[in-house]
Amino acid sequence: MDENTPTIDPQRTALLVMDYQTGIVGRIADADELLARMRAAIELARERGMTVGYVRVALTDEERDAVPDRNKTFAALAGLGSAMRVDAPETAVHDAVAPAPGDIVVRKQRVGPFSTTDLAEQLAARGIDTLVLGGISTSGVVLSTVRQAADADYRLYVLSDATADADPEVHQVLVTKVFPRQAWVITTDELAELLPA
């Protein structure tokens, strides 16, 4: 974090916890540490008056059947069958970072959180113009969200240590070379410094 990183207005900011699902968290090597950092960020966000939002990916049978073969990523996910179903244990938000009453919760059908959900409308209804992002994976939901949200004129922060990818090298390139063009990249500890006490 540099001295030019703007402070965060908690009333206009949402922490998005993205794809922290039981079946996805298990693919990350340091999952326990990652969950602990995200849980700390969620607790801080709630304490300081931020909105907390959750994004998860899961498909109904009809949605799975409607995925075209030309969609490389989701054709492969649709092929996982029941593991990607809406009610499958693997698609639930991990218990360690579970939503609380009043949180935003959306279920998406593609990589990014905006195109198949009402997330933008829910954020607008709460006056949110700033997003703090954490998710799995860096090269999937986080990258898609940074691109889409930047184009929608949100102020963006990426929590580098509450974001993970199965490929650590890809994670490093994204958080050090790609994301800083459109977002401030900070750690969960630095989040506390940017929020008023």
N, C-alpha and C. Protein backbone atom coordinates (compact mmCIF):
# COMPACT_ATOMS: atom_id res chain seq x y z
N MET A 1 0.85 -1.17 0.00
CA MET A 1 0.00 0.00 0.00
C MET A 1 0.90 1.24 0.00
N ASP A 2 0.58 2.18 -0.86
CA ASP A 2 1.37 3.40 -0.88
C ASP A 2 0.59 4.54 -0.23
N GLU A 3 1.27 5.67 -0.06
CA GLU A 3 0.65 6.80 0.64
C GLU A 3 -0.51 7.42 -0.13
N ASN A 4 -0.65 7.09 -1.41
CA ASN A 4 -1.74 7.62 -2.23
C ASN A 4 -2.99 6.76 -2.21
N THR A 5 -2.96 5.64 -1.49
CA THR A 5 -4.13 4.78 -1.43
C THR A 5 -5.24 5.50 -0.67
N PRO A 6 -6.41 5.70 -1.31
CA PRO A 6 -7.48 6.45 -0.64
C PRO A 6 -8.08 5.68 0.52
N THR A 7 -8.50 6.42 1.54
CA THR A 7 -9.21 5.79 2.65
C THR A 7 -10.57 5.30 2.17
N ILE A 8 -11.17 4.45 2.97
CA ILE A 8 -12.42 3.79 2.58
C ILE A 8 -13.57 4.31 3.43
N ASP A 9 -14.65 4.72 2.77
CA ASP A 9 -15.88 5.11 3.45
C ASP A 9 -16.72 3.84 3.64
N PRO A 10 -16.82 3.33 4.86
CA PRO A 10 -17.51 2.05 5.05
C PRO A 10 -18.97 2.07 4.65
N GLN A 11 -19.62 3.23 4.73
CA GLN A 11 -21.04 3.31 4.38
C GLN A 11 -21.28 3.14 2.88
N ARG A 12 -20.24 3.36 2.08
CA ARG A 12 -20.38 3.27 0.62
C ARG A 12 -19.60 2.08 0.04
N THR A 13 -19.21 1.16 0.94
CA THR A 13 -18.30 0.08 0.53
C THR A 13 -18.87 -1.29 0.87
N ALA A 14 -18.64 -2.23 -0.03
CA ALA A 14 -19.00 -3.63 0.23
C ALA A 14 -17.76 -4.50 0.10
N LEU A 15 -17.59 -5.39 1.05
CA LEU A 15 -16.60 -6.47 0.95
C LEU A 15 -17.29 -7.62 0.24
N LEU A 16 -16.74 -8.03 -0.90
CA LEU A 16 -17.30 -9.18 -1.62
C LEU A 16 -16.46 -10.42 -1.37
N VAL A 17 -17.10 -11.43 -0.82
CA VAL A 17 -16.48 -12.72 -0.53
C VAL A 17 -16.92 -13.65 -1.66
N MET A 18 -15.98 -13.97 -2.55
CA MET A 18 -16.37 -14.59 -3.82
C MET A 18 -15.83 -16.01 -3.97
N ASP A 19 -16.75 -16.93 -4.22
CA ASP A 19 -16.44 -18.34 -4.48
C ASP A 19 -15.70 -19.01 -3.34
N TYR A 20 -15.92 -18.54 -2.12
CA TYR A 20 -15.39 -19.20 -0.93
C TYR A 20 -16.33 -20.36 -0.59
N GLN A 21 -16.38 -21.33 -1.49
CA GLN A 21 -17.30 -22.45 -1.37
C GLN A 21 -16.54 -23.70 -0.95
N THR A 22 -17.24 -24.58 -0.27
CA THR A 22 -16.61 -25.77 0.28
C THR A 22 -15.80 -26.53 -0.76
N GLY A 23 -16.37 -26.75 -1.93
CA GLY A 23 -15.68 -27.52 -2.96
C GLY A 23 -14.54 -26.78 -3.63
N ILE A 24 -14.51 -25.45 -3.50
CA ILE A 24 -13.45 -24.64 -4.12
C ILE A 24 -12.32 -24.38 -3.14
N VAL A 25 -12.66 -24.08 -1.89
CA VAL A 25 -11.64 -23.82 -0.87
C VAL A 25 -10.70 -25.02 -0.75
N GLY A 26 -11.24 -26.21 -0.88
CA GLY A 26 -10.43 -27.43 -0.74
C GLY A 26 -9.34 -27.58 -1.77
N ARG A 27 -9.39 -26.79 -2.83
CA ARG A 27 -8.36 -26.88 -3.88
C ARG A 27 -7.15 -26.00 -3.59
N ILE A 28 -7.22 -25.20 -2.53
CA ILE A 28 -6.15 -24.26 -2.21
C ILE A 28 -5.24 -24.86 -1.15
N ALA A 29 -3.93 -24.76 -1.35
CA ALA A 29 -2.95 -25.40 -0.47
C ALA A 29 -3.04 -24.90 0.97
N ASP A 30 -3.08 -23.59 1.18
CA ASP A 30 -3.11 -23.04 2.54
C ASP A 30 -4.52 -22.58 2.91
N ALA A 31 -5.48 -23.46 2.72
CA ALA A 31 -6.89 -23.10 2.87
C ALA A 31 -7.22 -22.58 4.27
N ASP A 32 -6.67 -23.18 5.30
CA ASP A 32 -7.00 -22.75 6.66
C ASP A 32 -6.54 -21.32 6.91
N GLU A 33 -5.33 -20.98 6.45
CA GLU A 33 -4.82 -19.62 6.62
C GLU A 33 -5.64 -18.62 5.80
N LEU A 34 -5.99 -19.03 4.59
CA LEU A 34 -6.80 -18.17 3.73
C LEU A 34 -8.16 -17.89 4.37
N LEU A 35 -8.80 -18.93 4.89
CA LEU A 35 -10.09 -18.76 5.55
C LEU A 35 -9.97 -17.85 6.78
N ALA A 36 -8.89 -18.00 7.53
CA ALA A 36 -8.70 -17.16 8.72
C ALA A 36 -8.55 -15.69 8.34
N ARG A 37 -7.81 -15.41 7.28
CA ARG A 37 -7.64 -14.03 6.85
C ARG A 37 -8.96 -13.44 6.35
N MET A 38 -9.72 -14.22 5.58
CA MET A 38 -11.00 -13.72 5.09
C MET A 38 -11.98 -13.54 6.25
N ARG A 39 -11.99 -14.46 7.18
CA ARG A 39 -12.87 -14.32 8.34
C ARG A 39 -12.54 -13.03 9.12
N ALA A 40 -11.25 -12.73 9.28
CA ALA A 40 -10.84 -11.50 9.96
C ALA A 40 -11.30 -10.27 9.19
N ALA A 41 -11.21 -10.32 7.86
CA ALA A 41 -11.66 -9.19 7.04
C ALA A 41 -13.18 -9.00 7.17
N ILE A 42 -13.92 -10.09 7.19
CA ILE A 42 -15.37 -10.02 7.34
C ILE A 42 -15.73 -9.41 8.70
N GLU A 43 -15.07 -9.88 9.75
CA GLU A 43 -15.35 -9.35 11.09
C GLU A 43 -15.04 -7.86 11.16
N LEU A 44 -13.92 -7.44 10.57
CA LEU A 44 -13.56 -6.03 10.54
C LEU A 44 -14.61 -5.22 9.77
N ALA A 45 -15.01 -5.74 8.61
CA ALA A 45 -16.01 -5.05 7.79
C ALA A 45 -17.30 -4.85 8.57
N ARG A 46 -17.76 -5.87 9.24
CA ARG A 46 -19.00 -5.76 10.02
C ARG A 46 -18.83 -4.75 11.16
N GLU A 47 -17.70 -4.82 11.84
CA GLU A 47 -17.42 -3.93 12.97
C GLU A 47 -17.39 -2.46 12.55
N ARG A 48 -16.87 -2.19 11.34
CA ARG A 48 -16.73 -0.81 10.89
C ARG A 48 -17.91 -0.32 10.05
N GLY A 49 -18.94 -1.17 9.88
CA GLY A 49 -20.16 -0.72 9.22
C GLY A 49 -20.20 -0.91 7.71
N MET A 50 -19.34 -1.76 7.17
CA MET A 50 -19.37 -2.06 5.74
C MET A 50 -20.46 -3.09 5.45
N THR A 51 -20.94 -3.07 4.22
CA THR A 51 -21.79 -4.14 3.71
C THR A 51 -20.90 -5.34 3.39
N VAL A 52 -21.40 -6.54 3.66
CA VAL A 52 -20.69 -7.76 3.27
C VAL A 52 -21.57 -8.49 2.26
N GLY A 53 -20.95 -8.89 1.15
CA GLY A 53 -21.68 -9.60 0.11
C GLY A 53 -20.99 -10.89 -0.24
N TYR A 54 -21.78 -11.86 -0.63
CA TYR A 54 -21.27 -13.18 -0.98
C TYR A 54 -21.69 -13.52 -2.40
N VAL A 55 -20.74 -14.08 -3.13
CA VAL A 55 -20.98 -14.54 -4.49
C VAL A 55 -20.61 -16.01 -4.53
N ARG A 56 -21.51 -16.83 -5.01
CA ARG A 56 -21.17 -18.25 -5.16
C ARG A 56 -21.64 -18.73 -6.53
N VAL A 57 -21.01 -19.78 -7.01
CA VAL A 57 -21.37 -20.33 -8.31
C VAL A 57 -22.05 -21.68 -8.11
N ALA A 58 -23.18 -21.85 -8.77
CA ALA A 58 -23.92 -23.11 -8.73
C ALA A 58 -24.97 -23.07 -9.82
N LEU A 59 -25.34 -24.24 -10.31
CA LEU A 59 -26.27 -24.32 -11.43
C LEU A 59 -27.46 -25.21 -11.11
N THR A 60 -28.64 -24.78 -11.55
CA THR A 60 -29.79 -25.68 -11.53
C THR A 60 -29.60 -26.68 -12.68
N ASP A 61 -30.41 -27.72 -12.70
CA ASP A 61 -30.33 -28.69 -13.80
C ASP A 61 -30.58 -28.00 -15.14
N GLU A 62 -31.56 -27.10 -15.17
CA GLU A 62 -31.89 -26.41 -16.41
C GLU A 62 -30.74 -25.51 -16.87
N GLU A 63 -30.13 -24.81 -15.93
CA GLU A 63 -28.98 -23.95 -16.26
C GLU A 63 -27.80 -24.78 -16.76
N ARG A 64 -27.56 -25.90 -16.12
CA ARG A 64 -26.47 -26.77 -16.55
C ARG A 64 -26.72 -27.28 -17.97
N ASP A 65 -27.94 -27.68 -18.25
CA ASP A 65 -28.26 -28.20 -19.58
C ASP A 65 -28.19 -27.12 -20.65
N ALA A 66 -28.35 -25.85 -20.25
CA ALA A 66 -28.35 -24.74 -21.21
C ALA A 66 -26.95 -24.21 -21.52
N VAL A 67 -25.92 -24.71 -20.83
CA VAL A 67 -24.55 -24.23 -21.09
C VAL A 67 -24.10 -24.75 -22.45
N PRO A 68 -23.76 -23.85 -23.38
CA PRO A 68 -23.33 -24.31 -24.70
C PRO A 68 -21.91 -24.88 -24.67
N ASP A 69 -21.66 -25.82 -25.56
CA ASP A 69 -20.33 -26.43 -25.65
C ASP A 69 -19.24 -25.41 -25.96
N ARG A 70 -19.61 -24.30 -26.60
CA ARG A 70 -18.60 -23.31 -26.97
C ARG A 70 -18.06 -22.53 -25.77
N ASN A 71 -18.73 -22.61 -24.62
CA ASN A 71 -18.25 -21.97 -23.40
C ASN A 71 -17.28 -22.94 -22.72
N LYS A 72 -16.01 -22.74 -22.96
CA LYS A 72 -14.99 -23.70 -22.51
C LYS A 72 -15.04 -23.94 -21.00
N THR A 73 -15.08 -22.88 -20.22
CA THR A 73 -15.05 -23.03 -18.77
C THR A 73 -16.31 -23.68 -18.24
N PHE A 74 -17.47 -23.15 -18.63
CA PHE A 74 -18.71 -23.64 -18.02
C PHE A 74 -19.19 -24.95 -18.62
N ALA A 75 -18.78 -25.27 -19.82
CA ALA A 75 -19.09 -26.60 -20.35
C ALA A 75 -18.38 -27.65 -19.50
N ALA A 76 -17.15 -27.34 -19.08
CA ALA A 76 -16.41 -28.27 -18.21
C ALA A 76 -17.06 -28.35 -16.83
N LEU A 77 -17.49 -27.20 -16.28
CA LEU A 77 -18.16 -27.22 -14.97
C LEU A 77 -19.49 -27.95 -15.04
N ALA A 78 -20.23 -27.73 -16.11
CA ALA A 78 -21.51 -28.42 -16.26
C ALA A 78 -21.30 -29.93 -16.29
N GLY A 79 -20.14 -30.34 -16.81
CA GLY A 79 -19.82 -31.76 -16.86
C GLY A 79 -19.58 -32.38 -15.50
N LEU A 80 -19.41 -31.55 -14.47
CA LEU A 80 -19.21 -32.07 -13.13
C LEU A 80 -20.51 -32.58 -12.51
N GLY A 81 -21.63 -32.30 -13.17
CA GLY A 81 -22.92 -32.85 -12.74
C GLY A 81 -23.36 -32.36 -11.38
N SER A 82 -23.68 -33.29 -10.49
CA SER A 82 -24.31 -32.94 -9.21
C SER A 82 -23.41 -32.11 -8.30
N ALA A 83 -22.09 -32.14 -8.49
CA ALA A 83 -21.19 -31.37 -7.64
C ALA A 83 -21.39 -29.87 -7.80
N MET A 84 -21.95 -29.44 -8.93
CA MET A 84 -22.17 -28.01 -9.17
C MET A 84 -23.63 -27.60 -8.97
N ARG A 85 -24.45 -28.51 -8.48
CA ARG A 85 -25.87 -28.20 -8.28
C ARG A 85 -26.07 -27.17 -7.18
N VAL A 86 -27.15 -26.43 -7.28
CA VAL A 86 -27.49 -25.38 -6.33
C VAL A 86 -27.50 -25.90 -4.89
N ASP A 87 -28.00 -27.12 -4.69
CA ASP A 87 -28.14 -27.65 -3.34
C ASP A 87 -27.02 -28.60 -2.93
N ALA A 88 -25.97 -28.70 -3.73
CA ALA A 88 -24.86 -29.59 -3.39
C ALA A 88 -24.03 -29.00 -2.27
N PRO A 89 -23.54 -29.82 -1.33
CA PRO A 89 -22.70 -29.30 -0.24
C PRO A 89 -21.45 -28.58 -0.77
N GLU A 90 -20.95 -29.01 -1.91
CA GLU A 90 -19.73 -28.39 -2.47
C GLU A 90 -19.93 -26.95 -2.91
N THR A 91 -21.18 -26.56 -3.20
CA THR A 91 -21.42 -25.20 -3.68
C THR A 91 -21.82 -24.24 -2.56
N ALA A 92 -21.95 -24.74 -1.35
CA ALA A 92 -22.31 -23.88 -0.22
C ALA A 92 -21.12 -23.01 0.18
N VAL A 93 -21.39 -21.81 0.68
CA VAL A 93 -20.33 -20.97 1.24
C VAL A 93 -19.73 -21.71 2.43
N HIS A 94 -18.40 -21.71 2.52
CA HIS A 94 -17.71 -22.43 3.59
C HIS A 94 -18.17 -21.91 4.95
N ASP A 95 -18.39 -22.82 5.87
CA ASP A 95 -18.90 -22.45 7.20
C ASP A 95 -18.01 -21.43 7.91
N ALA A 96 -16.72 -21.45 7.67
CA ALA A 96 -15.80 -20.55 8.38
C ALA A 96 -16.02 -19.09 8.01
N VAL A 97 -16.66 -18.83 6.88
CA VAL A 97 -16.89 -17.45 6.42
C VAL A 97 -18.35 -17.24 6.02
N ALA A 98 -19.25 -17.94 6.67
CA ALA A 98 -20.66 -17.98 6.27
C ALA A 98 -21.35 -16.62 6.38
N PRO A 99 -22.34 -16.40 5.51
CA PRO A 99 -23.12 -15.15 5.57
C PRO A 99 -23.90 -15.01 6.86
N ALA A 100 -24.21 -13.76 7.18
CA ALA A 100 -25.06 -13.42 8.33
C ALA A 100 -26.32 -12.76 7.80
N PRO A 101 -27.37 -12.71 8.61
CA PRO A 101 -28.60 -12.03 8.19
C PRO A 101 -28.30 -10.59 7.76
N GLY A 102 -28.90 -10.18 6.66
CA GLY A 102 -28.70 -8.83 6.14
C GLY A 102 -27.59 -8.71 5.11
N ASP A 103 -26.77 -9.74 4.97
CA ASP A 103 -25.72 -9.71 3.94
C ASP A 103 -26.33 -9.89 2.56
N ILE A 104 -25.64 -9.40 1.57
CA ILE A 104 -26.00 -9.67 0.19
C ILE A 104 -25.49 -11.07 -0.16
N VAL A 105 -26.32 -11.88 -0.77
CA VAL A 105 -25.91 -13.21 -1.23
C VAL A 105 -26.46 -13.41 -2.63
N VAL A 106 -25.59 -13.67 -3.60
CA VAL A 106 -26.04 -13.94 -4.96
C VAL A 106 -25.42 -15.25 -5.45
N ARG A 107 -26.17 -15.89 -6.33
CA ARG A 107 -25.70 -17.12 -6.97
C ARG A 107 -25.51 -16.82 -8.45
N LYS A 108 -24.31 -17.06 -8.95
CA LYS A 108 -24.00 -16.76 -10.34
C LYS A 108 -23.94 -18.04 -11.16
N GLN A 109 -24.04 -17.85 -12.46
CA GLN A 109 -23.99 -18.98 -13.39
C GLN A 109 -22.81 -18.89 -14.35
N ARG A 110 -21.97 -17.88 -14.14
CA ARG A 110 -20.78 -17.71 -14.96
C ARG A 110 -19.64 -17.24 -14.06
N VAL A 111 -18.48 -16.94 -14.62
CA VAL A 111 -17.30 -16.62 -13.82
C VAL A 111 -17.49 -15.30 -13.07
N GLY A 112 -17.88 -14.26 -13.77
CA GLY A 112 -18.05 -12.95 -13.14
C GLY A 112 -19.35 -12.87 -12.35
N PRO A 113 -19.42 -11.97 -11.37
CA PRO A 113 -20.60 -11.91 -10.51
C PRO A 113 -21.73 -11.02 -11.00
N PHE A 114 -21.53 -10.31 -12.10
CA PHE A 114 -22.55 -9.32 -12.49
C PHE A 114 -23.50 -9.80 -13.58
N SER A 115 -23.03 -10.57 -14.55
CA SER A 115 -23.84 -10.83 -15.75
C SER A 115 -25.06 -11.71 -15.51
N THR A 116 -25.03 -12.57 -14.49
CA THR A 116 -26.16 -13.48 -14.27
C THR A 116 -26.80 -13.30 -12.90
N THR A 117 -26.57 -12.14 -12.27
CA THR A 117 -27.15 -11.87 -10.95
C THR A 117 -27.70 -10.45 -10.90
N ASP A 118 -28.33 -10.12 -9.78
CA ASP A 118 -28.78 -8.76 -9.55
C ASP A 118 -27.84 -8.03 -8.59
N LEU A 119 -26.58 -8.44 -8.57
CA LEU A 119 -25.62 -7.84 -7.65
C LEU A 119 -25.52 -6.33 -7.81
N ALA A 120 -25.42 -5.85 -9.04
CA ALA A 120 -25.29 -4.41 -9.27
C ALA A 120 -26.49 -3.66 -8.70
N GLU A 121 -27.67 -4.20 -8.87
CA GLU A 121 -28.88 -3.55 -8.36
C GLU A 121 -28.87 -3.53 -6.82
N GLN A 122 -28.45 -4.64 -6.21
CA GLN A 122 -28.41 -4.68 -4.75
C GLN A 122 -27.38 -3.70 -4.19
N LEU A 123 -26.24 -3.60 -4.86
CA LEU A 123 -25.22 -2.64 -4.42
C LEU A 123 -25.73 -1.21 -4.57
N ALA A 124 -26.36 -0.92 -5.70
CA ALA A 124 -26.89 0.42 -5.93
C ALA A 124 -27.95 0.79 -4.89
N ALA A 125 -28.79 -0.16 -4.53
CA ALA A 125 -29.84 0.11 -3.55
C ALA A 125 -29.27 0.48 -2.19
N ARG A 126 -28.04 0.05 -1.92
CA ARG A 126 -27.38 0.37 -0.65
C ARG A 126 -26.41 1.54 -0.78
N GLY A 127 -26.35 2.15 -1.96
CA GLY A 127 -25.46 3.29 -2.15
C GLY A 127 -24.00 2.93 -2.23
N ILE A 128 -23.70 1.72 -2.65
CA ILE A 128 -22.32 1.23 -2.70
C ILE A 128 -21.66 1.67 -4.00
N ASP A 129 -20.49 2.34 -3.88
CA ASP A 129 -19.71 2.68 -5.06
C ASP A 129 -18.26 2.20 -4.96
N THR A 130 -17.95 1.48 -3.88
CA THR A 130 -16.59 0.98 -3.64
C THR A 130 -16.67 -0.49 -3.26
N LEU A 131 -15.79 -1.29 -3.84
CA LEU A 131 -15.77 -2.73 -3.56
C LEU A 131 -14.40 -3.15 -3.06
N VAL A 132 -14.39 -3.99 -2.03
CA VAL A 132 -13.19 -4.66 -1.55
C VAL A 132 -13.37 -6.12 -1.91
N LEU A 133 -12.43 -6.68 -2.67
CA LEU A 133 -12.61 -8.01 -3.25
C LEU A 133 -11.67 -9.04 -2.64
N GLY A 134 -12.22 -10.19 -2.34
CA GLY A 134 -11.44 -11.36 -1.97
C GLY A 134 -12.11 -12.57 -2.59
N GLY A 135 -11.33 -13.48 -3.14
CA GLY A 135 -11.99 -14.61 -3.78
C GLY A 135 -11.05 -15.70 -4.24
N ILE A 136 -11.66 -16.77 -4.65
CA ILE A 136 -10.96 -17.93 -5.21
C ILE A 136 -11.64 -18.23 -6.54
N SER A 137 -11.02 -17.98 -7.64
CA SER A 137 -9.59 -17.85 -7.79
C SER A 137 -9.22 -16.46 -8.33
N THR A 138 -7.95 -16.13 -8.13
CA THR A 138 -7.44 -14.85 -8.61
C THR A 138 -7.63 -14.70 -10.11
N SER A 139 -7.38 -15.78 -10.84
CA SER A 139 -7.48 -15.73 -12.30
C SER A 139 -8.89 -15.97 -12.81
N GLY A 140 -9.82 -16.25 -11.91
CA GLY A 140 -11.20 -16.50 -12.29
C GLY A 140 -12.10 -15.36 -11.84
N VAL A 141 -12.81 -15.57 -10.74
CA VAL A 141 -13.80 -14.60 -10.28
C VAL A 141 -13.18 -13.24 -9.95
N VAL A 142 -11.97 -13.21 -9.38
CA VAL A 142 -11.40 -11.93 -9.00
C VAL A 142 -11.02 -11.12 -10.24
N LEU A 143 -10.37 -11.75 -11.18
CA LEU A 143 -10.01 -11.07 -12.42
C LEU A 143 -11.27 -10.57 -13.15
N SER A 144 -12.27 -11.42 -13.27
CA SER A 144 -13.51 -11.02 -13.94
C SER A 144 -14.19 -9.86 -13.22
N THR A 145 -14.19 -9.90 -11.90
CA THR A 145 -14.84 -8.84 -11.14
C THR A 145 -14.09 -7.52 -11.26
N VAL A 146 -12.76 -7.57 -11.18
CA VAL A 146 -11.98 -6.35 -11.36
C VAL A 146 -12.30 -5.72 -12.71
N ARG A 147 -12.29 -6.50 -13.76
CA ARG A 147 -12.54 -5.96 -15.10
C ARG A 147 -13.95 -5.39 -15.21
N GLN A 148 -14.95 -6.15 -14.79
CA GLN A 148 -16.34 -5.70 -14.92
C GLN A 148 -16.63 -4.52 -14.02
N ALA A 149 -16.16 -4.57 -12.78
CA ALA A 149 -16.46 -3.50 -11.83
C ALA A 149 -15.73 -2.21 -12.19
N ALA A 150 -14.52 -2.32 -12.71
CA ALA A 150 -13.80 -1.11 -13.15
C ALA A 150 -14.55 -0.45 -14.29
N ASP A 151 -15.06 -1.23 -15.21
CA ASP A 151 -15.83 -0.67 -16.32
C ASP A 151 -17.14 -0.04 -15.84
N ALA A 152 -17.63 -0.49 -14.68
CA ALA A 152 -18.85 0.08 -14.11
C ALA A 152 -18.55 1.23 -13.13
N ASP A 153 -17.28 1.65 -13.09
CA ASP A 153 -16.85 2.82 -12.31
C ASP A 153 -16.89 2.65 -10.80
N TYR A 154 -16.75 1.43 -10.31
CA TYR A 154 -16.56 1.24 -8.87
C TYR A 154 -15.12 1.58 -8.52
N ARG A 155 -14.91 2.12 -7.32
CA ARG A 155 -13.56 2.19 -6.75
C ARG A 155 -13.27 0.79 -6.23
N LEU A 156 -12.07 0.27 -6.52
CA LEU A 156 -11.77 -1.13 -6.22
C LEU A 156 -10.53 -1.30 -5.37
N TYR A 157 -10.63 -2.25 -4.45
CA TYR A 157 -9.50 -2.71 -3.65
C TYR A 157 -9.50 -4.24 -3.75
N VAL A 158 -8.33 -4.83 -3.92
CA VAL A 158 -8.20 -6.28 -3.93
C VAL A 158 -7.38 -6.69 -2.72
N LEU A 159 -7.91 -7.62 -1.93
CA LEU A 159 -7.19 -8.15 -0.78
C LEU A 159 -6.26 -9.25 -1.27
N SER A 160 -4.99 -8.92 -1.41
CA SER A 160 -4.04 -9.86 -2.02
C SER A 160 -3.87 -11.13 -1.20
N ASP A 161 -4.05 -11.04 0.12
CA ASP A 161 -3.86 -12.22 0.97
C ASP A 161 -5.17 -12.92 1.33
N ALA A 162 -6.29 -12.43 0.80
CA ALA A 162 -7.58 -13.13 0.94
C ALA A 162 -8.09 -13.54 -0.44
N THR A 163 -7.15 -13.59 -1.37
CA THR A 163 -7.39 -14.01 -2.74
C THR A 163 -6.37 -15.10 -3.04
N ALA A 164 -6.79 -16.13 -3.72
CA ALA A 164 -5.87 -17.24 -3.98
C ALA A 164 -6.16 -17.88 -5.32
N ASP A 165 -5.14 -18.53 -5.83
CA ASP A 165 -5.26 -19.21 -7.10
C ASP A 165 -4.53 -20.54 -7.00
N ALA A 166 -4.99 -21.53 -7.74
CA ALA A 166 -4.29 -22.82 -7.74
C ALA A 166 -2.87 -22.69 -8.29
N ASP A 167 -2.63 -21.65 -9.07
CA ASP A 167 -1.30 -21.39 -9.62
C ASP A 167 -0.73 -20.14 -8.95
N PRO A 168 0.19 -20.30 -7.99
CA PRO A 168 0.73 -19.15 -7.26
C PRO A 168 1.42 -18.12 -8.17
N GLU A 169 2.02 -18.58 -9.25
CA GLU A 169 2.68 -17.64 -10.16
C GLU A 169 1.66 -16.73 -10.85
N VAL A 170 0.55 -17.30 -11.27
CA VAL A 170 -0.52 -16.51 -11.89
C VAL A 170 -1.07 -15.50 -10.89
N HIS A 171 -1.27 -15.94 -9.66
CA HIS A 171 -1.73 -15.04 -8.60
C HIS A 171 -0.78 -13.86 -8.46
N GLN A 172 0.51 -14.14 -8.39
CA GLN A 172 1.50 -13.09 -8.19
C GLN A 172 1.51 -12.08 -9.34
N VAL A 173 1.44 -12.57 -10.56
CA VAL A 173 1.42 -11.68 -11.72
C VAL A 173 0.19 -10.78 -11.68
N LEU A 174 -0.96 -11.35 -11.37
CA LEU A 174 -2.19 -10.57 -11.35
C LEU A 174 -2.17 -9.49 -10.27
N VAL A 175 -1.77 -9.85 -9.05
CA VAL A 175 -1.84 -8.87 -7.97
C VAL A 175 -0.73 -7.83 -8.03
N THR A 176 0.38 -8.14 -8.70
CA THR A 176 1.48 -7.16 -8.76
C THR A 176 1.53 -6.39 -10.07
N LYS A 177 1.05 -6.97 -11.17
CA LYS A 177 1.21 -6.33 -12.47
C LYS A 177 -0.10 -5.96 -13.17
N VAL A 178 -1.16 -6.71 -12.94
CA VAL A 178 -2.40 -6.49 -13.68
C VAL A 178 -3.41 -5.68 -12.86
N PHE A 179 -3.74 -6.14 -11.67
CA PHE A 179 -4.77 -5.47 -10.87
C PHE A 179 -4.44 -4.02 -10.52
N PRO A 180 -3.18 -3.67 -10.23
CA PRO A 180 -2.90 -2.28 -9.85
C PRO A 180 -3.28 -1.24 -10.92
N ARG A 181 -3.53 -1.66 -12.13
CA ARG A 181 -3.98 -0.73 -13.16
C ARG A 181 -5.41 -0.25 -12.91
N GLN A 182 -6.20 -1.07 -12.21
CA GLN A 182 -7.61 -0.75 -12.02
C GLN A 182 -8.05 -0.78 -10.56
N ALA A 183 -7.18 -1.23 -9.67
CA ALA A 183 -7.57 -1.39 -8.27
C ALA A 183 -6.37 -1.11 -7.37
N TRP A 184 -6.67 -0.76 -6.13
CA TRP A 184 -5.61 -0.70 -5.13
C TRP A 184 -5.48 -2.10 -4.55
N VAL A 185 -4.27 -2.63 -4.55
CA VAL A 185 -4.01 -3.96 -4.01
C VAL A 185 -3.47 -3.79 -2.60
N ILE A 186 -4.20 -4.36 -1.64
CA ILE A 186 -3.85 -4.21 -0.23
C ILE A 186 -3.93 -5.57 0.45
N THR A 187 -3.48 -5.62 1.70
CA THR A 187 -3.61 -6.84 2.50
C THR A 187 -4.78 -6.66 3.47
N THR A 188 -5.15 -7.74 4.14
CA THR A 188 -6.22 -7.65 5.12
C THR A 188 -5.81 -6.75 6.30
N ASP A 189 -4.54 -6.75 6.66
CA ASP A 189 -4.08 -5.83 7.72
C ASP A 189 -4.19 -4.38 7.28
N GLU A 190 -3.86 -4.12 6.03
CA GLU A 190 -3.93 -2.74 5.52
C GLU A 190 -5.38 -2.26 5.41
N LEU A 191 -6.31 -3.17 5.23
CA LEU A 191 -7.73 -2.80 5.20
C LEU A 191 -8.10 -2.04 6.48
N ALA A 192 -7.65 -2.54 7.61
CA ALA A 192 -7.96 -1.89 8.88
C ALA A 192 -7.42 -0.46 8.93
N GLU A 193 -6.27 -0.23 8.34
CA GLU A 193 -5.66 1.11 8.34
C GLU A 193 -6.44 2.09 7.47
N LEU A 194 -7.15 1.58 6.47
CA LEU A 194 -7.87 2.44 5.53
C LEU A 194 -9.29 2.76 5.98
N LEU A 195 -9.76 2.07 7.00
CA LEU A 195 -11.12 2.26 7.50
C LEU A 195 -11.09 3.11 8.77
N PRO A 196 -12.03 4.06 8.90
CA PRO A 196 -12.10 4.82 10.14
C PRO A 196 -12.45 3.91 11.32
N ALA A 197 -11.87 4.20 12.45
CA ALA A 197 -12.12 3.36 13.65
C ALA A 197 -13.54 3.56 14.13
